Amino acid sequence: MKIKSIEAKTCEYCSGTGYFQLLLGGSETCACCEGSGKKKELED
């Protein structure tokens, strides 16, 4: 699979913030968008 293009759409998982707020405190980088907040389009 190759990355076709990076769209300017927000990531569905982190709502465009690039990270998740953890329940016990702190934050974690979104694994889906790698912290960019942008949705990546993948080519099959």
Protein backbone atom coordinates (compact mmCIF):
# COMPACT_ATOMS: atom_id res chain seq x y z
CA MET A 1 0.00 0.00 0.00
CA LYS A 2 1.21 3.48 -0.85
CA ILE A 3 0.10 6.81 0.53
CA LYS A 4 -1.78 8.35 -2.39
CA SER A 5 -2.23 11.84 -0.97
CA ILE A 6 -2.75 13.62 2.28
CA GLU A 7 -6.10 15.36 2.26
CA ALA A 8 -6.88 18.44 4.34
CA LYS A 9 -9.75 16.57 6.02
CA THR A 10 -9.63 16.19 9.78
CA CYS A 11 -8.84 12.82 11.33
CA GLU A 12 -12.00 10.96 12.42
CA TYR A 13 -10.38 9.39 15.49
CA CYS A 14 -8.96 12.46 17.24
CA SER A 15 -11.27 15.11 15.71
CA GLY A 16 -8.30 16.95 14.21
CA THR A 17 -6.46 17.59 17.49
CA GLY A 18 -3.65 15.08 16.78
CA TYR A 19 -3.82 13.54 20.25
CA PHE A 20 -6.10 11.81 22.74
CA GLN A 21 -6.62 13.05 26.29
CA LEU A 22 -6.03 10.12 28.65
CA LEU A 23 -8.37 9.45 31.57
CA LEU A 24 -5.54 9.26 34.11
CA GLY A 25 -3.94 12.48 32.91
CA GLY A 26 -1.62 13.40 30.08
CA SER A 27 -2.12 12.87 26.39
CA GLU A 28 -1.14 10.39 23.71
CA THR A 29 -0.39 11.04 20.02
CA CYS A 30 -3.08 9.74 17.67
CA ALA A 31 -1.74 6.63 15.92
CA CYS A 32 -4.06 7.07 12.95
CA CYS A 33 -2.84 10.51 11.82
CA GLU A 34 0.51 10.44 13.70
CA GLY A 35 -0.31 13.69 15.48
CA SER A 36 -0.95 15.74 12.35
CA GLY A 37 -4.74 15.96 12.84
CA LYS A 38 -5.21 15.34 9.13
CA LYS A 39 -6.80 12.24 7.62
CA LYS A 40 -4.51 10.16 5.40
CA GLU A 41 -5.95 8.58 2.25
CA LEU A 42 -4.48 5.16 1.50
CA GLU A 43 -4.33 3.51 -1.90
CA ASP A 44 -5.11 -0.21 -2.26
